[in-house]
Amino acid sequence: MVELKVKCSNCGEEVGTGMEMDEDQFEKALLKGSTAECPSCGEEISWGKGDVINKDEL
């Protein structure tokens, strides 16, 4: 299981989403309208499946 990560649109930092999945779970997941807060700048990031930057680690 790997924590999904997205990129902050404000400061460019990698942000952990708090969601952990394996490849099969990721393929089945809808992941629409999810949010995460950037610990570096405080920006609330809206993200979806296409925004995950570490898919290759699943």
Protein backbone atom coordinates (compact mmCIF):
# COMPACT_ATOMS: atom_id res chain seq x y z
CA MET A 1 0.00 0.00 0.00
CA VAL A 2 1.24 3.44 -0.96
CA GLU A 3 0.01 6.86 0.14
CA LEU A 4 -1.30 8.82 -2.83
CA LYS A 5 0.48 12.14 -3.40
CA VAL A 6 -0.46 15.25 -5.36
CA LYS A 7 1.39 18.45 -6.21
CA CYS A 8 0.36 21.72 -4.55
CA SER A 9 -0.77 24.17 -7.21
CA ASN A 10 0.35 27.09 -5.03
CA CYS A 11 3.90 26.18 -3.93
CA GLY A 12 4.70 23.05 -5.96
CA GLU A 13 5.39 20.79 -2.97
CA GLU A 14 4.39 17.10 -2.92
CA VAL A 15 1.42 16.61 -0.61
CA GLY A 16 0.32 13.34 0.94
CA THR A 17 -3.42 12.83 0.61
CA GLY A 18 -3.83 10.53 3.61
CA MET A 19 -5.21 7.81 1.30
CA GLU A 20 -3.28 4.57 0.92
CA MET A 21 -4.02 2.16 -1.93
CA ASP A 22 -2.52 -0.62 -3.96
CA GLU A 23 -2.72 -0.78 -7.75
CA ASP A 24 -6.01 -2.72 -7.86
CA GLN A 25 -7.74 -0.37 -5.43
CA PHE A 26 -6.50 2.65 -7.38
CA GLU A 27 -7.84 1.28 -10.66
CA LYS A 28 -11.31 0.78 -9.11
CA ALA A 29 -11.44 4.07 -7.16
CA LEU A 30 -13.36 7.09 -8.48
CA LEU A 31 -11.43 9.75 -6.51
CA LYS A 32 -13.44 12.82 -7.52
CA GLY A 33 -13.72 15.96 -5.43
CA SER A 34 -11.08 14.96 -2.90
CA THR A 35 -9.13 17.59 -0.98
CA ALA A 36 -5.84 17.77 0.89
CA GLU A 37 -4.12 20.59 2.75
CA CYS A 38 -0.55 21.50 1.85
CA PRO A 39 1.56 21.42 5.02
CA SER A 40 4.01 23.93 3.51
CA CYS A 41 1.69 26.78 2.50
CA GLY A 42 -1.74 25.81 3.88
CA GLU A 43 -3.42 25.76 0.45
CA GLU A 44 -6.44 23.45 0.21
CA ILE A 45 -5.89 21.33 -2.89
CA SER A 46 -8.81 19.84 -4.80
CA TRP A 47 -7.66 16.74 -6.63
CA GLY A 48 -8.84 13.76 -8.60
CA LYS A 49 -7.38 10.52 -9.90
CA GLY A 50 -5.52 12.25 -12.73
CA ASP A 51 -3.67 14.51 -10.27
CA VAL A 52 -1.93 11.67 -8.40
CA ILE A 53 1.81 12.04 -9.08
CA ASN A 54 3.09 8.72 -7.69
CA LYS A 55 0.97 6.20 -9.63
CA ASP A 56 4.12 4.35 -10.65
CA GLU A 57 4.80 3.43 -7.00
CA LEU A 58 1.51 1.50 -6.63
